[in-house]
Protein backbone atom coordinates (compact mmCIF):
# COMPACT_ATOMS: atom_id res chain seq x y z
CA UNK A 1 93.18 -28.19 -51.46
CA UNK A 2 94.33 -25.69 -53.98
CA UNK A 3 92.51 -26.22 -56.64
CA UNK A 4 89.33 -26.33 -54.23
CA UNK A 5 90.16 -23.23 -53.13
CA UNK A 6 90.14 -21.58 -56.62
CA UNK A 7 86.70 -23.09 -57.06
CA UNK A 8 85.73 -21.75 -54.01
CA UNK A 9 86.55 -18.38 -55.03
CA UNK A 10 84.69 -18.98 -58.22
CA UNK A 11 81.67 -20.06 -56.29
CA UNK A 12 82.04 -16.70 -54.33
CA UNK A 13 82.77 -14.68 -57.54
CA UNK A 14 79.41 -16.16 -59.17
CA UNK A 15 77.48 -15.37 -56.10
CA UNK A 16 78.44 -11.94 -55.80
CA UNK A 17 78.27 -10.40 -59.14
CA UNK A 18 74.58 -10.25 -59.42
CA UNK A 19 74.63 -9.16 -55.23
CA UNK A 20 77.35 -6.80 -55.56
CA UNK A 21 75.56 -2.69 -55.94
CA UNK A 22 76.21 -1.42 -58.99
CA UNK A 23 77.67 1.69 -57.40
CA UNK A 24 80.22 -0.42 -55.15
CA UNK A 25 81.88 -1.48 -58.56
CA UNK A 26 81.75 2.04 -59.86
CA UNK A 27 83.37 3.34 -56.84
CA UNK A 28 86.41 0.67 -56.22
CA UNK A 29 86.12 -0.52 -60.23
CA UNK A 30 86.42 -3.77 -59.39
CA UNK A 31 85.44 -7.50 -61.29
CA UNK A 32 86.70 -10.53 -59.84
CA UNK A 33 88.19 -12.62 -62.45
CA UNK A 34 86.91 -15.77 -63.44
CA UNK A 35 88.71 -18.71 -62.21
CA UNK A 36 89.54 -20.03 -65.98
CA UNK A 37 90.89 -16.55 -67.08
CA UNK A 38 93.05 -16.88 -63.92
CA UNK A 39 94.33 -19.99 -64.56
CA UNK A 40 95.10 -19.44 -68.19
CA UNK A 41 96.72 -15.76 -66.92
CA UNK A 42 99.00 -18.43 -64.75
CA UNK A 43 99.82 -20.75 -67.55
CA UNK A 44 101.09 -17.54 -69.29
CA UNK A 45 104.33 -17.12 -67.16
CA UNK A 46 107.02 -18.71 -68.81
CA UNK A 47 108.71 -21.32 -67.25
CA UNK A 48 111.46 -20.66 -65.34
CA UNK A 49 114.61 -21.93 -62.72
CA UNK A 50 114.10 -18.73 -60.35
CA UNK A 51 114.57 -20.48 -56.68
CA UNK A 52 112.77 -17.98 -55.31
CA UNK A 53 109.65 -15.79 -56.78
CA UNK A 54 108.11 -12.66 -55.36
CA UNK A 55 105.12 -12.33 -56.35
CA UNK A 56 102.81 -9.34 -56.27
CA UNK A 57 99.02 -9.26 -57.09
CA UNK A 58 97.80 -5.98 -56.80
CA UNK A 59 93.87 -5.42 -56.56
CA UNK A 60 93.92 -9.06 -55.36
CA UNK A 61 89.88 -9.42 -54.88
CA UNK A 62 89.30 -13.10 -53.05
CA UNK A 63 92.77 -14.27 -54.05
CA UNK A 64 91.33 -15.97 -57.85
CA UNK A 65 94.66 -14.94 -59.74
CA UNK A 66 97.46 -15.18 -56.72
CA UNK A 67 95.45 -18.88 -56.49
CA UNK A 68 95.84 -19.59 -59.81
CA UNK A 69 99.71 -19.31 -59.87
CA UNK A 70 100.56 -20.73 -56.70
CA UNK A 71 98.27 -24.02 -57.79
CA UNK A 72 100.22 -23.94 -60.98
CA UNK A 73 103.50 -23.61 -58.90
CA UNK A 74 102.20 -26.87 -57.01
CA UNK A 75 101.53 -28.43 -60.28
CA UNK A 76 105.79 -28.61 -60.58
CA UNK A 77 104.53 -26.54 -64.28
CA UNK A 78 107.10 -24.99 -65.16
CA UNK A 79 107.72 -22.79 -62.52
CA UNK A 80 110.10 -24.61 -59.92
CA UNK A 81 110.96 -22.28 -57.49
CA UNK A 82 111.87 -23.07 -53.93
CA UNK A 83 109.96 -20.55 -52.03
CA UNK A 84 107.26 -18.29 -52.93
CA UNK A 85 106.64 -14.25 -51.00
CA UNK A 86 103.61 -13.15 -52.08
CA UNK A 87 102.24 -9.41 -51.43
CA UNK A 88 98.56 -8.97 -52.36
CA UNK A 89 96.73 -4.99 -52.43
CA UNK A 90 93.04 -5.66 -51.39
CA UNK A 91 91.24 -2.26 -49.62
CA UNK A 92 87.87 -4.13 -49.71
CA UNK A 93 87.28 -5.32 -45.77
CA UNK A 94 85.04 -8.18 -46.84
CA UNK A 95 87.32 -9.38 -50.28
CA UNK A 96 90.22 -9.15 -47.90
CA UNK A 97 89.03 -11.75 -45.63
CA UNK A 98 88.20 -14.18 -48.45
CA UNK A 99 91.53 -13.59 -49.68
CA UNK A 100 93.52 -14.44 -46.33
CA UNK A 101 91.63 -17.48 -45.64
CA UNK A 102 93.30 -18.44 -48.91
CA UNK A 103 96.55 -17.61 -48.64
CA UNK A 104 96.25 -19.15 -45.04
CA UNK A 105 95.43 -22.23 -46.58
CA UNK A 106 98.01 -22.27 -49.22
CA UNK A 107 100.86 -21.52 -46.65
CA UNK A 108 100.09 -24.50 -44.14
CA UNK A 109 101.02 -26.91 -47.71
CA UNK A 110 103.26 -24.89 -49.53
CA UNK A 111 106.81 -23.00 -48.64
CA UNK A 112 104.84 -19.40 -49.33
CA UNK A 113 104.98 -16.56 -47.08
CA UNK A 114 102.50 -13.45 -47.89
CA UNK A 115 101.34 -10.33 -46.66
CA UNK A 116 98.08 -8.69 -47.59
CA UNK A 117 98.03 -4.78 -47.63
CA UNK A 118 94.65 -2.80 -47.34
CA UNK A 119 97.06 0.59 -48.56
CA UNK A 120 96.37 2.96 -51.34
CA UNK A 121 98.51 0.66 -53.76
CA UNK A 122 99.30 3.78 -56.19
CA UNK A 123 100.54 5.92 -53.16
CA UNK A 124 102.20 2.75 -51.71
CA UNK A 125 103.98 1.59 -54.93
CA UNK A 126 105.08 5.28 -56.19
CA UNK A 127 107.07 5.20 -52.80
CA UNK A 128 108.65 2.14 -53.53
CA UNK A 129 109.34 2.76 -57.18
CA UNK A 130 112.02 5.04 -56.07
CA UNK A 131 113.69 2.25 -53.82
CA UNK A 132 114.89 -1.19 -55.17
CA UNK A 133 113.13 -3.15 -57.48
CA UNK A 134 111.93 -6.29 -55.62
CA UNK A 135 109.51 -8.18 -57.49
CA UNK A 136 110.23 -10.97 -60.00
CA UNK A 137 106.49 -11.81 -60.90
CA UNK A 138 103.13 -9.24 -61.71
CA UNK A 139 100.02 -10.82 -61.85
CA UNK A 140 97.09 -8.08 -61.87
CA UNK A 141 93.61 -7.62 -62.89
CA UNK A 142 93.65 -4.16 -62.05
CA UNK A 143 90.56 -1.71 -61.04
CA UNK A 144 88.91 0.01 -63.94
CA UNK A 145 88.74 3.76 -63.18
CA UNK A 146 89.68 7.49 -64.31
CA UNK A 147 91.72 9.33 -62.71
CA UNK A 148 90.93 12.89 -62.93
CA UNK A 149 93.83 15.53 -64.13
CA UNK A 150 93.62 17.02 -60.73
CA UNK A 151 93.43 14.33 -59.15
CA UNK A 152 95.75 12.69 -55.63
CA UNK A 153 96.74 10.12 -57.76
CA UNK A 154 97.18 11.70 -60.64
CA UNK A 155 99.82 13.92 -58.53
CA UNK A 156 101.70 10.77 -57.00
CA UNK A 157 101.83 9.06 -60.11
CA UNK A 158 103.50 11.84 -62.13
CA UNK A 159 106.33 11.59 -59.27
CA UNK A 160 107.03 8.35 -60.84
CA UNK A 161 106.97 9.32 -63.91
CA UNK A 162 103.74 8.19 -65.08
CA UNK A 163 101.28 10.04 -67.03
CA UNK A 164 98.06 8.12 -67.44
CA UNK A 165 94.28 8.40 -67.06
CA UNK A 166 93.16 4.99 -65.92
CA UNK A 167 93.74 3.05 -62.74
CA UNK A 168 94.39 0.28 -64.62
CA UNK A 169 97.23 1.52 -66.97
CA UNK A 170 98.76 3.07 -63.59
CA UNK A 171 98.42 -0.20 -61.52
CA UNK A 172 100.43 -1.86 -64.73
CA UNK A 173 103.01 0.98 -65.32
CA UNK A 174 103.26 0.66 -61.47
CA UNK A 175 103.72 -2.49 -61.09
CA UNK A 176 106.25 -3.13 -64.51
CA UNK A 177 108.24 -0.45 -62.47
CA UNK A 178 108.64 -2.97 -59.58
CA UNK A 179 109.74 -5.50 -60.91
CA UNK A 180 112.95 -6.93 -61.30
CA UNK A 181 115.25 -7.23 -64.74
CA UNK A 182 113.70 -9.69 -66.83
CA UNK A 183 110.37 -10.00 -64.50
CA UNK A 184 107.07 -10.79 -66.37
CA UNK A 185 104.14 -9.19 -65.77
CA UNK A 186 100.88 -10.74 -66.39
CA UNK A 187 97.50 -8.32 -66.75
CA UNK A 188 93.94 -8.59 -67.77
CA UNK A 189 92.69 -5.20 -69.06
CA UNK A 190 90.80 -3.03 -71.57
CA UNK A 191 91.85 -3.08 -74.24
CA UNK A 192 91.26 0.94 -74.72
CA UNK A 193 95.03 1.57 -74.28
CA UNK A 194 95.83 0.03 -77.90
CA UNK A 195 95.43 3.63 -79.30
CA UNK A 196 94.19 6.85 -78.92
CA UNK A 197 95.90 10.12 -77.73
CA UNK A 198 95.09 9.34 -73.81
CA UNK A 199 97.05 6.44 -73.56
CA UNK A 200 99.58 7.43 -75.85
CA UNK A 201 102.10 8.17 -72.56
CA UNK A 202 101.48 4.93 -70.86
CA UNK A 203 102.06 2.87 -74.36
CA UNK A 204 105.43 4.46 -74.39
CA UNK A 205 106.20 3.79 -71.01
CA UNK A 206 105.35 -0.03 -71.59
CA UNK A 207 107.27 -0.15 -74.89
CA UNK A 208 110.25 1.73 -73.47
CA UNK A 209 110.88 -0.91 -69.95
CA UNK A 210 109.39 -3.92 -71.22
CA UNK A 211 109.05 -6.39 -74.08
CA UNK A 212 105.55 -7.51 -74.92
CA UNK A 213 105.75 -11.00 -75.22
CA UNK A 214 101.83 -11.95 -75.53
CA UNK A 215 98.09 -10.46 -76.11
CA UNK A 216 94.83 -12.50 -75.97
CA UNK A 217 91.84 -11.01 -77.23
CA UNK A 218 88.38 -12.13 -76.52
CA UNK A 219 85.96 -12.58 -79.51
CA UNK A 220 83.39 -11.69 -77.10
CA UNK A 221 82.62 -8.33 -75.55
CA UNK A 222 80.36 -9.39 -72.48
CA UNK A 223 81.50 -13.43 -72.10
CA UNK A 224 84.95 -13.13 -70.21
CA UNK A 225 83.20 -11.58 -67.07
CA UNK A 226 79.57 -13.21 -66.75
CA UNK A 227 77.24 -11.92 -64.70
CA UNK A 228 79.60 -8.75 -64.53
CA UNK A 229 78.55 -5.30 -66.32
CA UNK A 230 81.43 -5.30 -68.03
CA UNK A 231 81.12 -3.56 -71.16
CA UNK A 232 84.81 -2.75 -72.40
CA UNK A 233 86.73 -5.32 -74.62
CA UNK A 234 89.63 -6.91 -72.36
CA UNK A 235 92.88 -8.02 -73.23
CA UNK A 236 95.52 -10.37 -71.34
CA UNK A 237 98.76 -9.23 -71.74
CA UNK A 238 102.06 -10.37 -71.23
CA UNK A 239 105.09 -8.16 -70.79
CA UNK A 240 108.76 -8.78 -69.73
CA UNK A 241 111.12 -6.02 -68.16
CA UNK A 242 114.04 -5.27 -69.83
CA UNK A 243 113.74 -8.28 -71.99
CA UNK A 244 114.38 -8.54 -75.86
CA UNK A 245 111.72 -7.56 -78.09
CA UNK A 246 111.11 -10.29 -80.46
CA UNK A 247 108.22 -11.77 -82.30
CA UNK A 248 104.32 -11.50 -80.28
CA UNK A 249 102.07 -13.76 -79.74
CA UNK A 250 98.57 -13.21 -80.39
CA UNK A 251 95.75 -15.82 -79.15
CA UNK A 252 92.05 -15.72 -79.40
CA UNK A 253 89.43 -17.34 -78.15
CA UNK A 254 85.57 -16.50 -78.28
CA UNK A 255 85.20 -16.67 -74.15
CA UNK A 256 86.37 -17.67 -70.92
CA UNK A 257 86.16 -21.10 -72.04
CA UNK A 258 88.72 -21.10 -74.38
CA UNK A 259 87.29 -23.85 -76.38
CA UNK A 260 88.08 -22.38 -79.36
CA UNK A 261 91.98 -21.09 -78.61
CA UNK A 262 93.95 -20.22 -81.49
CA UNK A 263 97.43 -18.97 -81.76
CA UNK A 264 99.68 -17.06 -84.35
CA UNK A 265 102.87 -15.46 -84.39
CA UNK A 266 103.62 -11.57 -85.51
CA UNK A 267 106.76 -9.81 -86.17
CA UNK A 268 106.71 -6.83 -83.87
CA UNK A 269 106.89 -4.13 -86.55
CA UNK A 270 102.91 -5.25 -87.20
CA UNK A 271 101.82 -5.24 -83.72
CA UNK A 272 103.56 -1.58 -83.56
CA UNK A 273 104.35 0.04 -87.11
CA UNK A 274 107.58 1.52 -86.84
CA UNK A 275 107.02 4.58 -88.47
CA UNK A 276 103.92 5.13 -86.19
CA UNK A 277 104.59 8.03 -83.97
CA UNK A 278 101.39 6.98 -81.37
CA UNK A 279 102.31 3.58 -81.15
CA UNK A 280 99.23 1.94 -81.69
CA UNK A 281 99.11 -1.08 -80.61
CA UNK A 282 97.87 -3.73 -83.31
CA UNK A 283 96.20 -6.74 -82.69
CA UNK A 284 96.11 -8.96 -85.70
CA UNK A 285 93.29 -11.52 -85.60
CA UNK A 286 94.69 -14.31 -88.34
CA UNK A 287 98.26 -14.61 -89.59
CA UNK A 288 97.84 -13.28 -93.23
CA UNK A 289 98.18 -9.78 -94.65
CA UNK A 290 94.90 -7.77 -95.18
CA UNK A 291 94.46 -5.66 -97.90
CA UNK A 292 95.61 -2.41 -96.44
CA UNK A 293 99.16 -3.78 -95.01
CA UNK A 294 99.57 -5.66 -98.80
CA UNK A 295 98.88 -2.36 -100.80
CA UNK A 296 101.47 0.11 -102.07
CA UNK A 297 98.77 2.30 -102.84
CA UNK A 298 97.34 3.16 -99.56
CA UNK A 299 100.08 5.06 -97.90
CA UNK A 300 98.57 8.76 -97.90
CA UNK A 301 97.30 10.83 -94.79
CA UNK A 302 94.23 13.00 -94.96
CA UNK A 303 96.53 15.94 -95.02
CA UNK A 304 98.39 14.30 -98.05
CA UNK A 305 94.88 14.08 -100.16
CA UNK A 306 93.75 17.83 -98.62
CA UNK A 307 90.62 16.14 -96.66
CA UNK A 308 89.72 16.72 -92.71
CA UNK A 309 87.99 14.78 -90.52
CA UNK A 310 86.08 16.16 -87.43
CA UNK A 311 83.35 15.22 -85.05
CA UNK A 312 80.22 16.93 -85.46
CA UNK A 313 80.32 20.33 -84.25
CA UNK A 314 76.60 20.39 -82.42
CA UNK A 315 76.40 19.43 -79.00
CA UNK A 316 72.69 18.91 -78.99
CA UNK A 317 72.09 19.77 -75.20
CA UNK A 318 74.22 22.61 -75.18
CA UNK A 319 71.42 24.00 -78.28
CA UNK A 320 68.03 22.56 -77.03
CA UNK A 321 66.82 26.08 -77.12
CA UNK A 322 67.30 26.18 -80.97
CA UNK A 323 67.26 22.74 -81.75
CA UNK A 324 63.33 21.55 -83.82
CA UNK A 325 61.41 18.46 -84.28
CA UNK A 326 60.13 19.78 -87.42
CA UNK A 327 61.83 22.07 -90.13
CA UNK A 328 61.19 25.96 -89.88
CA UNK A 329 61.26 28.72 -92.49
CA UNK A 330 64.49 29.60 -90.41
CA UNK A 331 65.99 26.40 -89.65
CA UNK A 332 68.40 24.37 -91.42
CA UNK A 333 68.53 20.66 -91.30
CA UNK A 334 70.43 18.66 -88.04
CA UNK A 335 71.96 15.24 -88.93
CA UNK A 336 72.37 13.02 -86.21
CA UNK A 337 73.35 9.29 -87.05
CA UNK A 338 69.78 7.63 -87.14
CA UNK A 339 69.24 9.48 -90.59
CA UNK A 340 71.78 7.84 -92.06
CA UNK A 341 70.99 3.91 -93.63
CA UNK A 342 73.71 2.42 -95.73
CA UNK A 343 73.87 5.02 -98.20
CA UNK A 344 70.22 6.05 -97.91
CA UNK A 345 69.51 9.47 -95.96
CA UNK A 346 66.11 9.87 -93.87
CA UNK A 347 65.33 13.75 -93.83
CA UNK A 348 63.22 14.72 -91.95
CA UNK A 349 62.68 11.20 -89.65
CA UNK A 350 60.06 11.16 -87.29
CA UNK A 351 61.80 8.73 -85.06
CA UNK A 352 64.50 10.91 -84.31
CA UNK A 353 63.10 12.48 -80.78
CA UNK A 354 65.64 15.12 -80.49
CA UNK A 355 65.02 16.91 -83.64
CA UNK A 356 65.49 17.00 -87.34
CA UNK A 357 66.22 20.82 -87.68
CA UNK A 358 68.21 23.62 -85.73
CA UNK A 359 67.60 27.28 -85.90
CA UNK A 360 69.89 29.55 -88.27
CA UNK A 361 71.47 32.47 -86.47
CA UNK A 362 74.02 34.41 -84.91
CA UNK A 363 74.39 31.92 -82.15
CA UNK A 364 74.02 28.64 -84.06
CA UNK A 365 76.03 29.50 -87.11
CA UNK A 366 79.67 28.93 -85.67
CA UNK A 367 78.19 25.46 -85.32
CA UNK A 368 77.16 24.74 -88.91
CA UNK A 369 78.51 24.16 -92.10
CA UNK A 370 77.49 24.87 -95.83
CA UNK A 371 75.79 22.56 -97.36
CA UNK A 372 77.24 20.05 -100.07
CA UNK A 373 78.38 16.63 -100.52
CA UNK A 374 80.00 14.84 -97.54
CA UNK A 375 81.22 11.64 -96.04
CA UNK A 376 79.94 10.98 -92.20
CA UNK A 377 80.95 8.00 -89.57
CA UNK A 378 79.17 7.56 -87.00
CA UNK A 379 81.21 7.64 -83.66
CA UNK A 380 79.42 4.53 -81.69
CA UNK A 381 78.01 1.23 -82.83
CA UNK A 382 76.43 -1.63 -80.50
CA UNK A 383 78.19 -3.63 -78.11
CA UNK A 384 78.57 -6.55 -80.64
CA UNK A 385 77.66 -5.27 -83.85
CA UNK A 386 79.22 -6.37 -87.10
CA UNK A 387 80.74 -3.44 -88.11
CA UNK A 388 82.79 -0.41 -86.37
CA UNK A 389 83.08 2.34 -89.30
CA UNK A 390 80.18 2.81 -91.05
CA UNK A 391 80.03 5.66 -93.59
CA UNK A 392 77.80 7.42 -95.21
CA UNK A 393 77.69 9.87 -98.11
CA UNK A 394 75.62 12.95 -97.14
CA UNK A 395 74.00 14.26 -100.74
CA UNK A 396 73.16 18.06 -100.93
CA UNK A 397 69.47 17.79 -103.10
CA UNK A 398 68.33 15.83 -100.06
CA UNK A 399 67.42 18.87 -98.03
CA UNK A 400 66.15 21.12 -100.83
CA UNK A 401 67.68 24.49 -101.02
CA UNK A 402 69.21 24.56 -97.20
CA UNK A 403 71.79 26.56 -97.13
CA UNK A 404 73.85 25.26 -94.21
CA UNK A 405 74.17 21.76 -92.32
CA UNK A 406 74.23 21.12 -88.57
CA UNK A 407 76.46 17.51 -88.00
CA UNK A 408 75.49 16.51 -84.03
CA UNK A 409 78.56 15.70 -82.10
CA UNK A 410 77.54 11.69 -83.09
CA UNK A 411 78.78 11.77 -86.29
CA UNK A 412 82.41 12.23 -87.95
CA UNK A 413 82.46 14.87 -90.44
CA UNK A 414 84.92 14.47 -93.40
CA UNK A 415 85.59 17.49 -95.39
CA UNK A 416 87.49 20.43 -97.40
CA UNK A 417 88.52 23.33 -94.97
CA UNK A 418 84.65 22.99 -93.23
CA UNK A 419 82.83 22.88 -96.85
CA UNK A 420 82.15 19.98 -98.98
CA UNK A 421 83.84 17.72 -101.19
CA UNK A 422 83.59 16.96 -104.60
CA UNK A 423 80.84 14.41 -104.94
CA UNK A 424 83.55 11.38 -106.84
CA UNK A 425 85.49 11.97 -103.77
CA UNK A 426 82.83 11.46 -100.89
CA UNK A 427 81.47 8.56 -102.47
CA UNK A 428 84.64 7.07 -102.72
CA UNK A 429 85.81 7.85 -99.22
CA UNK A 430 82.74 6.33 -98.14
CA UNK A 431 83.06 2.90 -100.64
CA UNK A 432 86.89 3.03 -98.99
CA UNK A 433 86.02 3.43 -95.51
CA UNK A 434 82.88 0.34 -96.05
CA UNK A 435 85.52 -2.23 -97.23
CA UNK A 436 86.09 -5.40 -95.50
CA UNK A 437 89.63 -4.64 -95.04
CA UNK A 438 89.61 -0.92 -93.36
CA UNK A 439 86.87 -2.21 -91.09
CA UNK A 440 89.24 -5.53 -89.93
CA UNK A 441 92.68 -3.21 -89.98
CA UNK A 442 90.56 -0.48 -87.36
CA UNK A 443 89.75 -3.55 -85.17
CA UNK A 444 93.44 -4.40 -84.67
CA UNK A 445 94.39 -1.20 -83.02
CA UNK A 446 90.68 -0.28 -81.95
CA UNK A 447 89.17 -2.23 -79.12
CA UNK A 448 86.00 0.16 -77.89
CA UNK A 449 83.24 0.90 -79.24
CA UNK A 450 84.14 4.41 -80.31
CA UNK A 451 85.15 5.58 -83.64
CA UNK A 452 87.29 8.91 -82.97
CA UNK A 453 88.15 11.64 -85.10
CA UNK A 454 91.27 10.85 -83.91
CA UNK A 455 91.52 7.56 -85.22
CA UNK A 456 90.46 8.49 -88.56
CA UNK A 457 93.15 10.93 -88.89
CA UNK A 458 95.77 8.31 -88.24
CA UNK A 459 94.37 5.71 -90.79
CA UNK A 460 96.11 5.91 -93.69
CA UNK A 461 93.63 6.16 -97.54
CA UNK A 462 94.39 5.46 -101.22
CA UNK A 463 95.53 8.75 -102.91
CA UNK A 464 92.84 11.31 -103.76
CA UNK A 465 92.57 10.10 -107.23
CA UNK A 466 91.79 7.03 -106.55
CA UNK A 467 89.31 7.72 -104.03
CA UNK A 468 87.57 9.26 -106.90
CA UNK A 469 87.97 6.38 -109.07
CA UNK A 470 87.00 4.84 -106.59
CA UNK A 471 83.73 7.29 -106.48
CA UNK A 472 82.70 7.40 -110.15
CA UNK A 473 82.66 3.81 -109.52
CA UNK A 474 80.44 3.93 -106.66
CA UNK A 475 78.40 6.31 -108.35
CA UNK A 476 77.19 3.99 -111.18
CA UNK A 477 76.73 0.89 -109.05
CA UNK A 478 72.88 1.14 -108.94
CA UNK A 479 73.28 -1.75 -105.56
CA UNK A 480 77.00 -2.39 -104.29
CA UNK A 481 77.35 -5.49 -102.61
CA UNK A 482 80.40 -6.05 -99.66
CA UNK A 483 82.08 -8.28 -101.99
CA UNK A 484 81.89 -5.34 -104.99
CA UNK A 485 83.64 -2.76 -102.51
CA UNK A 486 86.22 -4.98 -101.41
CA UNK A 487 87.15 -6.25 -105.12
CA UNK A 488 86.95 -2.74 -106.88
CA UNK A 489 89.22 -1.42 -103.67
CA UNK A 490 91.66 -4.10 -104.64
CA UNK A 491 91.81 -3.32 -107.91
CA UNK A 492 91.94 0.35 -107.59
CA UNK A 493 94.72 0.20 -104.61
CA UNK A 494 96.54 -2.75 -105.75
């Protein structure tokens, strides 16, 4: 009976996915949990001798997660509760009807009591955080939607001491706040919280109030939520309220079949570096340490080596009247990611529909850099692209006698005080950024396709001298392979 109910929810999810309007998904931020993922999440809760479970499912949908949890309980697989009291929140009327049907069926055969609420979870939970914490377990697939800084939700959350920018992190923070000491929380959420300045308060909140015990990573960005247009890379986390922080289990699978499931243990200081004020959460995909972790020579900040990195300052839609398809006497080159392929620069490029040049005048000059050598990294990659960090060298001779250059907003630009770099430094920096070690290290804390200047600024680099030596070597090689760049980094940065 219980297994049949979870199967029913899965059939409903598959049937619903292509029919539920995209606007509705965006409006509610709802993506229903596949049965296989729900079962896996339920399995992540540790065995316990608690006699009474108080379960929270915020954003319960049609009940897949609660059903999986109750299935595990009924199978006597380490959850030996005498009773379960469940509270589920779901604002969608149709889903709430299916949820009611599922929980009613469970309550007929198990010592289960439950309440289903149609209220706004954030508003209710903020008030509850001011009272006694009462939940022992929480299982969540929260909604994913941005919270505006002046919104009612943002103001409510601040009353509970929670500063965050998305519904998913708000739901997790509130659920954590409602857990008793040693209460267990398992949630599937976008990996975007692992890095970046916007989620720093959320990371600090979680790490201050809970121990992080497990992170599960899906290698495929698209397969964990088949049928739903989910572009985020998702992780499943298991945290314990007021728990003792020990080593962290990192598990991996390609998709929600878990056919190639692997797991490794890592010390916590490899997940959150002790000297990292940003509290980035790294997700190693193998037990070994890569070149950057092992190298004593890759330990410098960009400030240490006298280099800056900025997002390309030309926002094209704001300067449309000044952008030209072909260069003219009063224009300078405008560079988009499409002008770069490896170390080749193709400018002008007729395939760049937005333009190849920007007029040089009083209105545009403040957004331009002097012509010179620069290293650029594109900000966006496609969903399944093999590399996240792709660097190229801007060579001044590629643009004739151009005095200035425009860098479009989809590029990150390495510079010295908004001027060009020494040639060997530009080549060395590009070679370093294009190594396998850098891309692998970057993926450990960055789970989305965007490479921000902030991310690049917070990375560690070889010394200026080592980068220049790497650049001298790169300039002398007519055709560099990936293995050649990786080997040279190891030799020079040791």
